[in-house]
N, C-alpha and C. Protein backbone atom coordinates (compact mmCIF):
# COMPACT_ATOMS: atom_id res chain seq x y z
N MET A 1 -61.47 63.35 -54.21
CA MET A 1 -60.62 64.13 -54.82
C MET A 1 -61.59 65.41 -55.57
N ARG A 2 -61.16 66.50 -55.61
CA ARG A 2 -61.92 67.64 -56.24
C ARG A 2 -61.58 67.53 -57.96
N ALA A 3 -62.60 67.75 -58.37
CA ALA A 3 -62.49 67.85 -60.12
C ALA A 3 -61.77 68.89 -60.46
N THR A 4 -61.58 70.13 -59.82
CA THR A 4 -60.81 70.87 -60.42
C THR A 4 -59.76 71.54 -59.40
N ASN A 5 -58.64 72.21 -59.75
CA ASN A 5 -57.44 72.52 -59.06
C ASN A 5 -57.43 73.89 -58.55
N SER A 6 -56.86 74.19 -57.50
CA SER A 6 -56.58 75.78 -57.15
C SER A 6 -56.07 76.50 -58.14
N PHE A 7 -55.65 77.60 -58.47
CA PHE A 7 -54.80 78.59 -59.14
C PHE A 7 -53.40 78.34 -58.60
N LEU A 8 -53.30 78.13 -57.17
CA LEU A 8 -52.19 77.96 -56.39
C LEU A 8 -51.29 76.49 -56.98
N ASP A 9 -51.90 75.61 -57.82
CA ASP A 9 -51.58 74.34 -58.08
C ASP A 9 -50.45 74.59 -59.38
N GLU A 10 -50.83 75.70 -60.13
CA GLU A 10 -50.15 75.98 -61.18
C GLU A 10 -48.54 75.74 -60.93
N PRO A 11 -47.61 75.46 -61.89
CA PRO A 11 -46.10 75.63 -61.38
C PRO A 11 -45.95 77.00 -61.48
N ALA A 12 -46.34 77.89 -62.09
CA ALA A 12 -45.53 79.15 -62.35
C ALA A 12 -46.25 80.18 -60.91
N ILE A 13 -46.63 79.75 -60.00
CA ILE A 13 -47.29 80.49 -58.76
C ILE A 13 -45.97 80.42 -57.61
N PRO A 14 -45.14 79.36 -57.44
CA PRO A 14 -44.03 79.67 -56.69
C PRO A 14 -42.98 80.84 -57.40
N GLU A 15 -42.96 80.50 -58.70
CA GLU A 15 -41.76 81.51 -59.41
C GLU A 15 -42.46 82.83 -59.14
N ALA A 16 -43.65 82.94 -59.29
CA ALA A 16 -44.26 84.12 -59.42
C ALA A 16 -43.93 85.10 -57.95
N TRP A 17 -44.26 84.18 -56.98
CA TRP A 17 -43.89 84.57 -55.47
C TRP A 17 -42.27 84.88 -55.27
N VAL A 18 -41.52 84.39 -55.93
CA VAL A 18 -40.05 84.58 -55.68
C VAL A 18 -39.78 85.79 -56.56
N ARG A 19 -40.27 86.16 -57.74
CA ARG A 19 -40.25 87.38 -58.60
C ARG A 19 -40.49 88.74 -58.22
N LEU A 20 -41.82 88.13 -57.38
CA LEU A 20 -42.36 89.30 -56.68
C LEU A 20 -41.55 89.98 -55.60
N ALA A 21 -40.98 88.71 -54.40
CA ALA A 21 -39.97 89.20 -53.54
C ALA A 21 -38.98 89.73 -53.94
N ASN A 22 -38.55 89.50 -55.08
CA ASN A 22 -37.17 89.99 -55.37
C ASN A 22 -37.37 91.04 -56.10
N THR A 23 -38.19 91.61 -56.69
CA THR A 23 -38.79 92.68 -56.88
C THR A 23 -38.87 93.74 -55.86
N LEU A 24 -39.73 93.19 -55.00
CA LEU A 24 -39.85 94.24 -53.70
C LEU A 24 -38.84 94.35 -52.81
N MET A 25 -37.75 93.67 -52.93
CA MET A 25 -36.30 93.84 -51.85
C MET A 25 -35.13 94.26 -52.58
N ILE A 26 -35.02 93.80 -53.99
CA ILE A 26 -34.27 94.73 -54.70
C ILE A 26 -34.51 95.70 -55.70
N GLY A 27 -35.63 95.47 -56.27
CA GLY A 27 -35.90 96.65 -57.17
C GLY A 27 -36.45 96.28 -58.44
N PRO A 28 -36.86 96.85 -59.34
CA PRO A 28 -37.77 96.46 -60.33
C PRO A 28 -36.77 95.70 -61.30
N GLN A 29 -35.50 96.31 -61.18
CA GLN A 29 -34.51 95.68 -62.29
C GLN A 29 -33.39 95.12 -61.45
N ALA A 30 -33.28 93.69 -62.01
CA ALA A 30 -32.23 93.08 -61.24
C ALA A 30 -30.93 93.43 -61.39
N GLY A 31 -30.08 93.60 -60.09
CA GLY A 31 -29.05 93.88 -60.21
C GLY A 31 -28.93 95.60 -60.05
N THR A 32 -30.14 96.28 -60.08
CA THR A 32 -30.01 97.61 -59.75
C THR A 32 -30.68 97.66 -58.19
N PRO A 33 -30.10 97.57 -57.10
CA PRO A 33 -30.81 97.81 -55.89
C PRO A 33 -31.37 99.29 -55.77
N VAL A 34 -32.74 99.20 -55.20
CA VAL A 34 -33.27 100.48 -54.84
C VAL A 34 -32.75 100.93 -53.42
N SER A 35 -32.43 102.05 -53.47
CA SER A 35 -31.82 102.65 -51.93
C SER A 35 -32.94 103.09 -51.23
N TYR A 36 -33.27 102.52 -49.87
CA TYR A 36 -34.22 102.81 -49.17
C TYR A 36 -33.65 103.19 -47.86
N GLY A 37 -33.97 104.53 -47.65
CA GLY A 37 -33.57 104.67 -45.72
C GLY A 37 -31.81 105.15 -46.13
N SER A 38 -31.69 105.32 -44.77
CA SER A 38 -30.03 105.54 -44.95
C SER A 38 -29.30 104.32 -44.79
N PRO A 39 -27.99 104.31 -45.00
CA PRO A 39 -27.17 102.92 -45.02
C PRO A 39 -27.08 102.76 -43.54
N GLY A 40 -27.21 101.18 -43.30
CA GLY A 40 -26.78 100.86 -41.94
C GLY A 40 -28.23 100.52 -41.15
N HIS A 41 -29.37 100.72 -41.80
CA HIS A 41 -30.58 100.64 -41.29
C HIS A 41 -31.16 99.50 -42.04
N GLY A 42 -30.35 98.51 -42.41
CA GLY A 42 -30.86 97.09 -42.93
C GLY A 42 -31.42 97.44 -44.50
N SER A 43 -30.80 98.54 -45.03
CA SER A 43 -31.02 98.85 -46.52
C SER A 43 -29.81 98.64 -46.92
N PHE A 44 -29.60 99.05 -48.41
CA PHE A 44 -28.56 98.96 -49.14
C PHE A 44 -27.73 99.94 -48.91
N SER A 45 -26.49 99.48 -49.10
CA SER A 45 -25.32 100.64 -48.93
C SER A 45 -25.23 101.44 -49.84
N ARG A 46 -24.36 102.41 -49.85
CA ARG A 46 -24.10 103.46 -51.18
C ARG A 46 -23.68 102.66 -52.34
N ASP A 47 -22.73 101.63 -52.29
CA ASP A 47 -21.90 101.00 -53.25
C ASP A 47 -22.94 99.75 -53.83
N GLY A 48 -24.22 99.77 -53.37
CA GLY A 48 -25.10 98.95 -53.94
C GLY A 48 -25.34 97.44 -53.45
N THR A 49 -24.26 97.18 -52.43
CA THR A 49 -24.37 95.78 -52.00
C THR A 49 -25.43 95.86 -50.66
N ALA A 50 -25.90 94.58 -50.39
CA ALA A 50 -26.71 94.58 -49.37
C ALA A 50 -26.07 94.45 -48.03
N SER A 51 -26.38 95.06 -47.08
CA SER A 51 -26.04 94.84 -45.71
C SER A 51 -25.86 93.59 -45.03
N GLU A 52 -25.21 93.19 -44.24
CA GLU A 52 -25.24 91.71 -43.52
C GLU A 52 -26.66 91.48 -42.96
N PRO A 53 -27.27 92.08 -42.38
CA PRO A 53 -28.72 91.74 -41.81
C PRO A 53 -29.60 91.33 -42.95
N ARG A 54 -29.72 92.37 -44.01
CA ARG A 54 -30.35 92.19 -45.14
C ARG A 54 -30.06 90.74 -45.96
N ARG A 55 -28.73 90.76 -46.14
CA ARG A 55 -28.29 89.13 -46.62
C ARG A 55 -28.79 88.26 -45.88
N ARG A 56 -28.51 88.13 -44.74
CA ARG A 56 -29.29 87.09 -43.81
C ARG A 56 -30.88 86.83 -43.81
N TRP A 57 -31.64 88.04 -43.92
CA TRP A 57 -32.70 88.19 -44.25
C TRP A 57 -33.22 87.28 -45.55
N LEU A 58 -32.51 87.86 -46.63
CA LEU A 58 -32.82 87.29 -47.88
C LEU A 58 -32.46 85.79 -47.95
N HIS A 59 -31.66 85.29 -47.22
CA HIS A 59 -30.87 84.05 -47.12
C HIS A 59 -32.53 82.98 -46.40
N ARG A 60 -32.77 83.86 -45.44
CA ARG A 60 -33.88 83.04 -44.79
C ARG A 60 -35.09 83.13 -45.50
N LEU A 61 -35.41 84.04 -46.16
CA LEU A 61 -36.68 83.92 -47.10
C LEU A 61 -36.25 83.27 -48.28
N ASP A 62 -35.34 82.94 -48.87
CA ASP A 62 -34.92 82.05 -49.93
C ASP A 62 -35.25 80.51 -49.54
N GLN A 63 -34.57 80.32 -48.12
CA GLN A 63 -34.79 78.96 -47.58
C GLN A 63 -36.35 78.73 -47.48
N TRP A 64 -37.16 79.71 -46.77
CA TRP A 64 -38.42 79.67 -46.68
C TRP A 64 -39.23 79.21 -47.86
N LEU A 65 -38.96 79.81 -48.77
CA LEU A 65 -39.71 79.72 -50.23
C LEU A 65 -39.51 78.38 -50.56
N GLY A 66 -38.38 77.91 -50.62
CA GLY A 66 -37.99 76.72 -50.88
C GLY A 66 -38.52 75.38 -50.31
N ARG A 67 -38.62 75.91 -49.03
CA ARG A 67 -39.61 74.94 -48.21
C ARG A 67 -41.20 74.88 -48.47
N LEU A 68 -41.49 76.05 -48.63
CA LEU A 68 -43.19 76.41 -49.24
C LEU A 68 -43.03 75.67 -50.89
N ASP A 69 -42.28 75.76 -51.68
CA ASP A 69 -42.36 75.13 -53.00
C ASP A 69 -42.18 73.64 -52.85
N ASN A 70 -41.48 72.94 -51.89
CA ASN A 70 -41.39 71.65 -51.65
C ASN A 70 -43.00 71.46 -50.93
N TRP A 71 -43.29 72.09 -50.10
CA TRP A 71 -44.80 71.65 -49.47
C TRP A 71 -45.96 71.67 -50.52
N PHE A 72 -45.74 72.50 -51.68
CA PHE A 72 -46.74 72.41 -52.58
C PHE A 72 -46.53 71.46 -53.40
N TRP A 73 -45.26 71.05 -53.77
CA TRP A 73 -45.04 69.99 -54.61
C TRP A 73 -45.59 68.47 -53.98
N ARG A 74 -45.58 68.28 -52.56
CA ARG A 74 -45.72 67.21 -52.04
C ARG A 74 -47.38 67.14 -51.98
N GLN A 75 -47.98 68.02 -51.81
CA GLN A 75 -49.30 68.14 -51.64
C GLN A 75 -49.87 67.84 -53.11
N GLN A 76 -49.28 68.18 -54.28
CA GLN A 76 -49.74 67.81 -55.57
C GLN A 76 -49.50 66.29 -55.77
N GLN A 77 -48.36 65.75 -55.25
CA GLN A 77 -48.02 64.24 -55.42
C GLN A 77 -49.27 63.41 -54.71
N ARG A 78 -49.50 64.02 -53.34
CA ARG A 78 -50.48 63.36 -52.66
C ARG A 78 -51.73 63.21 -53.48
N GLN A 79 -52.20 64.51 -53.99
CA GLN A 79 -53.37 64.44 -55.03
C GLN A 79 -53.48 63.42 -56.10
N ARG A 80 -52.23 63.30 -57.04
CA ARG A 80 -52.26 62.46 -57.85
C ARG A 80 -52.24 61.07 -57.49
N GLU A 81 -51.19 61.03 -56.28
CA GLU A 81 -51.61 59.31 -55.80
C GLU A 81 -52.78 59.26 -55.24
N ALA A 82 -53.81 59.95 -54.75
CA ALA A 82 -55.09 59.65 -54.36
C ALA A 82 -55.96 59.47 -55.54
N TYR A 83 -55.75 60.27 -56.58
CA TYR A 83 -56.51 60.04 -57.86
C TYR A 83 -56.30 58.82 -58.51
N LEU A 84 -54.95 58.41 -58.39
CA LEU A 84 -54.41 57.01 -59.12
C LEU A 84 -55.24 56.02 -58.41
N ALA A 85 -55.15 56.11 -57.22
CA ALA A 85 -55.74 55.24 -56.54
C ALA A 85 -57.05 54.66 -56.62
N GLN A 86 -57.75 55.61 -56.86
CA GLN A 86 -59.38 55.43 -57.07
C GLN A 86 -59.60 54.76 -58.34
N ALA A 87 -58.58 53.99 -59.12
CA ALA A 87 -58.84 53.48 -60.19
C ALA A 87 -59.35 51.89 -59.90
N THR A 88 -59.91 51.67 -60.79
CA THR A 88 -60.79 50.09 -60.34
C THR A 88 -60.19 48.93 -60.84
N ASP A 89 -59.46 49.25 -61.97
CA ASP A 89 -58.66 48.16 -62.56
C ASP A 89 -57.47 48.65 -63.09
N ILE A 90 -56.41 47.65 -64.06
CA ILE A 90 -55.48 48.10 -64.53
C ILE A 90 -55.34 49.09 -65.66
N PHE A 91 -56.75 48.77 -66.39
CA PHE A 91 -57.03 49.69 -67.43
C PHE A 91 -57.70 51.08 -67.28
N ASP A 92 -58.54 50.99 -66.21
CA ASP A 92 -58.65 52.32 -65.59
C ASP A 92 -57.39 53.21 -65.26
N LEU A 93 -56.65 52.69 -64.53
CA LEU A 93 -55.32 53.02 -63.99
C LEU A 93 -54.37 53.59 -65.02
N GLU A 94 -54.23 53.01 -66.22
CA GLU A 94 -53.67 53.17 -67.35
C GLU A 94 -54.25 54.45 -67.92
N GLU A 95 -55.43 54.83 -67.98
CA GLU A 95 -56.37 55.75 -68.43
C GLU A 95 -55.89 57.01 -67.70
N ARG A 96 -56.09 56.62 -66.44
CA ARG A 96 -55.90 57.97 -65.65
C ARG A 96 -54.52 58.40 -65.59
N MET A 97 -53.61 57.56 -66.01
CA MET A 97 -52.14 58.04 -66.00
C MET A 97 -51.97 58.76 -67.22
N ARG A 98 -52.36 58.21 -68.53
CA ARG A 98 -52.25 58.90 -69.58
C ARG A 98 -53.05 60.37 -69.67
N ARG A 99 -54.20 60.38 -68.83
CA ARG A 99 -54.79 61.77 -68.65
C ARG A 99 -54.20 62.62 -67.95
N LEU A 100 -53.37 61.96 -66.96
CA LEU A 100 -52.35 63.07 -66.06
C LEU A 100 -51.06 63.49 -67.05
N GLU A 101 -50.88 62.50 -67.88
CA GLU A 101 -49.70 63.05 -68.81
C GLU A 101 -49.94 63.94 -69.81
N ARG A 102 -51.25 63.64 -70.38
CA ARG A 102 -51.67 64.88 -71.29
C ARG A 102 -52.17 66.13 -70.93
N SER A 103 -52.47 66.08 -69.57
CA SER A 103 -52.93 67.47 -68.88
C SER A 103 -51.77 68.18 -68.14
N GLY A 104 -50.86 67.55 -68.25
CA GLY A 104 -49.80 68.08 -66.90
C GLY A 104 -50.17 67.97 -65.64
N GLY A 105 -51.40 67.26 -65.42
CA GLY A 105 -51.57 67.17 -63.86
C GLY A 105 -52.43 68.20 -63.48
N ARG A 106 -53.05 69.34 -64.53
CA ARG A 106 -53.64 70.47 -64.05
C ARG A 106 -55.16 69.82 -63.53
N SER A 107 -55.78 69.14 -64.49
CA SER A 107 -57.07 68.66 -64.26
C SER A 107 -57.24 67.16 -64.76
N TYR A 108 -58.13 66.69 -63.94
CA TYR A 108 -58.46 65.09 -64.03
C TYR A 108 -59.50 64.91 -64.79
């Protein structure tokens, strides 16, 4: 078990990736799509709605990011369980659990 965690273990990282993807795909202001290219080529149409291929692509991206977030969560759970499994007795286990609760799981 490592003594320190990666910055990718922070809970804000998956949310930052989603916001970055939204900004790149939709534009800096939510609800105000940026018009790239001519309509009909996977870009936004003149009335501000996404074309069908763009909508499908965004849906797939959303699913993929959801799976990635789930994977990161499972990895964090495995690390916590491995850390708790190293306890020598019930008192050590309780101390480790308190340490995890106090730190939010960021550093053991």
